[in-house]
Amino acid sequence: MHLLPFAASVFTLLILPGPTNAILAIASQGLTSRRAIMLLATVVFAYLAIVLSVSALAAPILRDHPAISQAVKLASATWVFYLALRLWGVGSSPVTVVRIRQLAITTLLNPKGFIIGLTIIPPAQQASSIAVVAVLASMVLLTSAVWLSMGRIVLGDEKQIPLFARRCSSAALFVFSAALTVSAF
């Protein structure tokens, strides 16, 4: 696989709505430059950690042991469900709701990382490892910046997350959690 199809595949998958993107959109409120850099760096490093780990270490185990694969999917679904409940239940949600740790865990458990690591990342003999990591990091950075920007445009510069935005984001996370749960069986 050449790097352009790899980049296009990663971009196409990561730009779709999902738990990490929903959190980024919500986190865009009251965003400072420093906070934006922290959020973007967190997502890039978390995706790199999970994709590279899955592609190098976990792929053979997950393929050979379906029960472990199911457990990973269910753990991801549970985390996303927890986030959806928290987002739904908060009152007048301040900007501090989204923590770096939350974003990192959500990204590490995001099935998109597993999909990239198991099916999209090219084998070492087909592309330079450094080039693959650079392309992956670039696509993660680009799509994450798009979601931060979309959140900023849609939600504005409010200091609190509007109820409608919280409920829509929460509903999207609930649907994503349900889809993950169903895919585990």
C-alpha atoms as a PDB file:
ATOM      1  CA  MET A   1       0.000   0.000   0.000  1.00  0.00           C
ATOM      2  CA  HIS A   2       1.325   3.405  -0.882  1.00  0.00           C
ATOM      3  CA  LEU A   3       1.089   6.222   1.615  1.00  0.00           C
ATOM      4  CA  LEU A   4      -1.608   8.199  -0.218  1.00  0.00           C
ATOM      5  CA  PRO A   5      -4.246   5.438  -0.001  1.00  0.00           C
ATOM      6  CA  PHE A   6      -3.203   4.855   3.612  1.00  0.00           C
ATOM      7  CA  ALA A   7      -3.612   8.568   4.398  1.00  0.00           C
ATOM      8  CA  ALA A   8      -6.984   8.684   2.624  1.00  0.00           C
ATOM      9  CA  SER A   9      -8.226   5.606   4.480  1.00  0.00           C
ATOM     10  CA  VAL A  10      -7.132   6.938   7.868  1.00  0.00           C
ATOM     11  CA  PHE A  11      -8.615  10.369   7.171  1.00  0.00           C
ATOM     12  CA  THR A  12     -11.919   8.870   6.008  1.00  0.00           C
ATOM     13  CA  LEU A  13     -12.239   6.736   9.137  1.00  0.00           C
ATOM     14  CA  LEU A  14     -11.110   9.378  11.639  1.00  0.00           C
ATOM     15  CA  ILE A  15     -13.259  12.210  10.286  1.00  0.00           C
ATOM     16  CA  LEU A  16     -16.423  10.205  11.002  1.00  0.00           C
ATOM     17  CA  PRO A  17     -18.263  10.966  14.249  1.00  0.00           C
ATOM     18  CA  GLY A  18     -17.179   8.888  17.204  1.00  0.00           C
ATOM     19  CA  PRO A  19     -16.365   9.166  20.897  1.00  0.00           C
ATOM     20  CA  THR A  20     -13.047  10.999  20.551  1.00  0.00           C
ATOM     21  CA  ASN A  21     -14.499  13.455  18.046  1.00  0.00           C
ATOM     22  CA  ALA A  22     -17.557  14.121  20.218  1.00  0.00           C
ATOM     23  CA  ILE A  23     -15.290  14.902  23.164  1.00  0.00           C
ATOM     24  CA  LEU A  24     -13.131  17.176  21.020  1.00  0.00           C
ATOM     25  CA  ALA A  25     -16.184  19.086  19.802  1.00  0.00           C
ATOM     26  CA  ILE A  26     -17.429  19.574  23.363  1.00  0.00           C
ATOM     27  CA  ALA A  27     -13.914  20.488  24.552  1.00  0.00           C
ATOM     28  CA  SER A  28     -13.746  23.320  22.034  1.00  0.00           C
ATOM     29  CA  GLN A  29     -15.692  25.640  24.310  1.00  0.00           C
ATOM     30  CA  GLY A  30     -13.583  28.192  26.106  1.00  0.00           C
ATOM     31  CA  LEU A  31     -10.593  26.851  24.189  1.00  0.00           C
ATOM     32  CA  THR A  32      -7.228  28.538  24.610  1.00  0.00           C
ATOM     33  CA  SER A  33      -4.210  27.936  22.373  1.00  0.00           C
ATOM     34  CA  ARG A  34      -2.457  26.026  25.144  1.00  0.00           C
ATOM     35  CA  ARG A  35      -5.486  23.827  25.778  1.00  0.00           C
ATOM     36  CA  ALA A  36      -5.923  23.151  22.043  1.00  0.00           C
ATOM     37  CA  ILE A  37      -2.298  22.009  21.801  1.00  0.00           C
ATOM     38  CA  MET A  38      -2.763  19.740  24.829  1.00  0.00           C
ATOM     39  CA  LEU A  39      -5.953  18.213  23.405  1.00  0.00           C
ATOM     40  CA  LEU A  40      -4.443  17.667  19.967  1.00  0.00           C
ATOM     41  CA  ALA A  41      -1.229  16.192  21.392  1.00  0.00           C
ATOM     42  CA  THR A  42      -3.235  13.861  23.623  1.00  0.00           C
ATOM     43  CA  VAL A  43      -5.238  12.498  20.699  1.00  0.00           C
ATOM     44  CA  VAL A  44      -2.166  12.097  18.479  1.00  0.00           C
ATOM     45  CA  PHE A  45      -0.148  10.274  21.140  1.00  0.00           C
ATOM     46  CA  ALA A  46      -3.087   8.086  22.194  1.00  0.00           C
ATOM     47  CA  TYR A  47      -3.832   7.037  18.613  1.00  0.00           C
ATOM     48  CA  LEU A  48      -0.158   6.367  17.929  1.00  0.00           C
ATOM     49  CA  ALA A  49       0.086   4.282  21.098  1.00  0.00           C
ATOM     50  CA  ILE A  50      -2.961   2.152  20.342  1.00  0.00           C
ATOM     51  CA  VAL A  51      -2.474   1.765  16.583  1.00  0.00           C
ATOM     52  CA  LEU A  52       1.192   0.842  16.826  1.00  0.00           C
ATOM     53  CA  SER A  53       0.601  -1.496  19.770  1.00  0.00           C
ATOM     54  CA  VAL A  54      -2.316  -3.217  18.087  1.00  0.00           C
ATOM     55  CA  SER A  55      -0.564  -3.602  14.749  1.00  0.00           C
ATOM     56  CA  ALA A  56       2.657  -4.912  16.276  1.00  0.00           C
ATOM     57  CA  LEU A  57       1.503  -6.901  19.282  1.00  0.00           C
ATOM     58  CA  ALA A  58      -2.212  -7.460  19.544  1.00  0.00           C
ATOM     59  CA  ALA A  59      -3.195  -8.318  15.971  1.00  0.00           C
ATOM     60  CA  PRO A  60      -2.145 -11.988  16.177  1.00  0.00           C
ATOM     61  CA  ILE A  61      -3.686 -12.410  19.643  1.00  0.00           C
ATOM     62  CA  LEU A  62      -7.002 -10.779  18.733  1.00  0.00           C
ATOM     63  CA  ARG A  63      -7.282 -12.807  15.528  1.00  0.00           C
ATOM     64  CA  ASP A  64      -6.531 -16.082  17.327  1.00  0.00           C
ATOM     65  CA  HIS A  65      -8.657 -15.415  20.432  1.00  0.00           C
ATOM     66  CA  PRO A  66     -12.141 -14.069  19.625  1.00  0.00           C
ATOM     67  CA  ALA A  67     -13.047 -13.902  23.330  1.00  0.00           C
ATOM     68  CA  ILE A  68     -10.273 -11.379  23.945  1.00  0.00           C
ATOM     69  CA  SER A  69     -11.458  -9.381  20.949  1.00  0.00           C
ATOM     70  CA  GLN A  70     -14.991  -9.392  22.406  1.00  0.00           C
ATOM     71  CA  ALA A  71     -13.677  -8.264  25.797  1.00  0.00           C
ATOM     72  CA  VAL A  72     -11.840  -5.332  24.207  1.00  0.00           C
ATOM     73  CA  LYS A  73     -14.997  -4.290  22.337  1.00  0.00           C
ATOM     74  CA  LEU A  74     -17.088  -4.559  25.497  1.00  0.00           C
ATOM     75  CA  ALA A  75     -14.561  -2.545  27.509  1.00  0.00           C
ATOM     76  CA  SER A  76     -14.667   0.154  24.837  1.00  0.00           C
ATOM     77  CA  ALA A  77     -18.472   0.099  24.780  1.00  0.00           C
ATOM     78  CA  THR A  78     -18.625   0.354  28.568  1.00  0.00           C
ATOM     79  CA  TRP A  79     -16.292   3.358  28.639  1.00  0.00           C
ATOM     80  CA  VAL A  80     -18.235   5.145  25.898  1.00  0.00           C
ATOM     81  CA  PHE A  81     -21.508   4.379  27.705  1.00  0.00           C
ATOM     82  CA  TYR A  82     -20.059   5.835  30.925  1.00  0.00           C
ATOM     83  CA  LEU A  83     -19.054   9.005  29.067  1.00  0.00           C
ATOM     84  CA  ALA A  84     -22.530   9.269  27.540  1.00  0.00           C
ATOM     85  CA  LEU A  85     -24.152   8.978  30.964  1.00  0.00           C
ATOM     86  CA  ARG A  86     -21.840  11.613  32.437  1.00  0.00           C
ATOM     87  CA  LEU A  87     -22.457  13.997  29.560  1.00  0.00           C
ATOM     88  CA  TRP A  88     -26.230  13.475  29.710  1.00  0.00           C
ATOM     89  CA  GLY A  89     -26.462  13.899  33.466  1.00  0.00           C
ATOM     90  CA  VAL A  90     -24.386  16.976  34.119  1.00  0.00           C
ATOM     91  CA  GLY A  91     -26.344  20.089  34.899  1.00  0.00           C
ATOM     92  CA  SER A  92     -25.018  23.302  33.465  1.00  0.00           C
ATOM     93  CA  SER A  93     -21.837  21.687  32.212  1.00  0.00           C
ATOM     94  CA  PRO A  94     -18.731  23.852  32.527  1.00  0.00           C
ATOM     95  CA  VAL A  95     -15.775  23.604  30.188  1.00  0.00           C
ATOM     96  CA  THR A  96     -13.784  21.619  32.763  1.00  0.00           C
ATOM     97  CA  VAL A  97     -15.955  18.543  32.110  1.00  0.00           C
ATOM     98  CA  VAL A  98     -13.516  17.331  29.445  1.00  0.00           C
ATOM     99  CA  ARG A  99     -10.262  16.257  31.057  1.00  0.00           C
ATOM    100  CA  ILE A 100      -7.098  15.233  29.255  1.00  0.00           C
ATOM    101  CA  ARG A 101      -7.211  11.834  30.979  1.00  0.00           C
ATOM    102  CA  GLN A 102     -10.795  11.289  29.743  1.00  0.00           C
ATOM    103  CA  LEU A 103      -9.780  12.150  26.204  1.00  0.00           C
ATOM    104  CA  ALA A 104      -6.735   9.863  26.348  1.00  0.00           C
ATOM    105  CA  ILE A 105      -8.675   6.867  27.708  1.00  0.00           C
ATOM    106  CA  THR A 106     -11.492   7.403  25.232  1.00  0.00           C
ATOM    107  CA  THR A 107      -9.041   7.558  22.341  1.00  0.00           C
ATOM    108  CA  LEU A 108      -7.147   4.492  23.550  1.00  0.00           C
ATOM    109  CA  LEU A 109     -10.429   2.556  23.718  1.00  0.00           C
ATOM    110  CA  ASN A 110     -11.800   4.006  20.476  1.00  0.00           C
ATOM    111  CA  PRO A 111     -12.390   1.144  18.015  1.00  0.00           C
ATOM    112  CA  LYS A 112     -11.068   3.330  15.205  1.00  0.00           C
ATOM    113  CA  GLY A 113      -7.554   2.785  16.585  1.00  0.00           C
ATOM    114  CA  PHE A 114      -8.076  -0.968  16.503  1.00  0.00           C
ATOM    115  CA  ILE A 115      -9.439  -0.795  12.956  1.00  0.00           C
ATOM    116  CA  ILE A 116      -6.427   1.191  11.771  1.00  0.00           C
ATOM    117  CA  GLY A 117      -3.982  -1.077  13.585  1.00  0.00           C
ATOM    118  CA  LEU A 118      -5.586  -4.316  12.416  1.00  0.00           C
ATOM    119  CA  THR A 119      -6.705  -3.527   8.880  1.00  0.00           C
ATOM    120  CA  ILE A 120      -5.433  -0.232   7.469  1.00  0.00           C
ATOM    121  CA  ILE A 121      -1.803   0.160   8.543  1.00  0.00           C
ATOM    122  CA  PRO A 122       0.488  -1.122   5.775  1.00  0.00           C
ATOM    123  CA  PRO A 123       2.914  -3.960   6.492  1.00  0.00           C
ATOM    124  CA  ALA A 124       6.500  -2.907   7.260  1.00  0.00           C
ATOM    125  CA  GLN A 125       7.755  -4.285   3.937  1.00  0.00           C
ATOM    126  CA  GLN A 126       5.373  -2.051   1.963  1.00  0.00           C
ATOM    127  CA  ALA A 127       6.186   1.328   3.508  1.00  0.00           C
ATOM    128  CA  SER A 128       8.751   2.955   5.753  1.00  0.00           C
ATOM    129  CA  SER A 129       7.729   2.778   9.412  1.00  0.00           C
ATOM    130  CA  ILE A 130       8.731   6.401   9.947  1.00  0.00           C
ATOM    131  CA  ALA A 131       6.624   7.494   6.981  1.00  0.00           C
ATOM    132  CA  VAL A 132       3.621   5.491   8.219  1.00  0.00           C
ATOM    133  CA  VAL A 133       3.884   7.040  11.696  1.00  0.00           C
ATOM    134  CA  ALA A 134       4.252  10.524  10.202  1.00  0.00           C
ATOM    135  CA  VAL A 135       1.219  10.077   7.945  1.00  0.00           C
ATOM    136  CA  LEU A 136      -0.847   8.607  10.778  1.00  0.00           C
ATOM    137  CA  ALA A 137       0.089  11.443  13.141  1.00  0.00           C
ATOM    138  CA  SER A 138      -0.681  14.025  10.438  1.00  0.00           C
ATOM    139  CA  MET A 139      -4.115  12.571   9.705  1.00  0.00           C
ATOM    140  CA  VAL A 140      -4.971  12.342  13.408  1.00  0.00           C
ATOM    141  CA  LEU A 141      -3.866  15.942  13.922  1.00  0.00           C
ATOM    142  CA  LEU A 142      -5.829  17.151  10.896  1.00  0.00           C
ATOM    143  CA  THR A 143      -9.083  15.369  11.759  1.00  0.00           C
ATOM    144  CA  SER A 144      -8.835  16.336  15.430  1.00  0.00           C
ATOM    145  CA  ALA A 145      -8.310  19.983  14.490  1.00  0.00           C
ATOM    146  CA  VAL A 146     -11.358  19.779  12.208  1.00  0.00           C
ATOM    147  CA  TRP A 147     -13.489  18.456  15.104  1.00  0.00           C
ATOM    148  CA  LEU A 148     -12.211  21.116  17.497  1.00  0.00           C
ATOM    149  CA  SER A 149     -13.017  23.755  14.877  1.00  0.00           C
ATOM    150  CA  MET A 150     -16.473  22.306  14.172  1.00  0.00           C
ATOM    151  CA  GLY A 151     -17.230  22.287  17.874  1.00  0.00           C
ATOM    152  CA  ARG A 152     -16.131  25.889  18.128  1.00  0.00           C
ATOM    153  CA  ILE A 153     -18.269  26.902  15.146  1.00  0.00           C
ATOM    154  CA  VAL A 154     -21.368  24.985  16.266  1.00  0.00           C
ATOM    155  CA  LEU A 155     -21.126  25.694  19.985  1.00  0.00           C
ATOM    156  CA  GLY A 156     -19.563  29.131  19.841  1.00  0.00           C
ATOM    157  CA  ASP A 157     -17.442  30.609  22.592  1.00  0.00           C
ATOM    158  CA  GLU A 158     -19.886  29.913  25.394  1.00  0.00           C
ATOM    159  CA  LYS A 159     -18.485  29.134  28.809  1.00  0.00           C
ATOM    160  CA  GLN A 160     -21.059  26.386  29.248  1.00  0.00           C
ATOM    161  CA  ILE A 161     -22.160  23.570  27.012  1.00  0.00           C
ATOM    162  CA  PRO A 162     -25.738  24.152  25.840  1.00  0.00           C
ATOM    163  CA  LEU A 163     -28.208  21.464  26.879  1.00  0.00           C
ATOM    164  CA  PHE A 164     -29.061  20.581  23.276  1.00  0.00           C
ATOM    165  CA  ALA A 165     -25.378  20.103  22.371  1.00  0.00           C
ATOM    166  CA  ARG A 166     -24.768  17.965  25.470  1.00  0.00           C
ATOM    167  CA  ARG A 167     -27.787  15.789  24.762  1.00  0.00           C
ATOM    168  CA  CYS A 168     -26.921  15.352  21.067  1.00  0.00           C
ATOM    169  CA  SER A 169     -23.329  14.441  21.916  1.00  0.00           C
ATOM    170  CA  SER A 170     -24.518  12.093  24.632  1.00  0.00           C
ATOM    171  CA  ALA A 171     -27.003  10.441  22.257  1.00  0.00           C
ATOM    172  CA  ALA A 172     -24.248   9.949  19.662  1.00  0.00           C
ATOM    173  CA  LEU A 173     -22.084   8.301  22.313  1.00  0.00           C
ATOM    174  CA  PHE A 174     -24.991   6.053  23.389  1.00  0.00           C
ATOM    175  CA  VAL A 175     -25.506   4.938  19.780  1.00  0.00           C
ATOM    176  CA  PHE A 176     -21.786   4.317  19.357  1.00  0.00           C
ATOM    177  CA  SER A 177     -21.715   2.296  22.591  1.00  0.00           C
ATOM    178  CA  ALA A 178     -24.684   0.217  21.455  1.00  0.00           C
ATOM    179  CA  ALA A 179     -23.081  -0.457  18.076  1.00  0.00           C
ATOM    180  CA  LEU A 180     -19.884  -1.572  19.786  1.00  0.00           C
ATOM    181  CA  THR A 181     -21.799  -3.859  22.110  1.00  0.00           C
ATOM    182  CA  VAL A 182     -23.705  -5.444  19.231  1.00  0.00           C
ATOM    183  CA  SER A 183     -20.492  -5.896  17.217  1.00  0.00           C
ATOM    184  CA  ALA A 184     -18.947  -7.845  20.108  1.00  0.00           C
ATOM    185  CA  PHE A 185     -21.486 -10.639  19.600  1.00  0.00           C
END
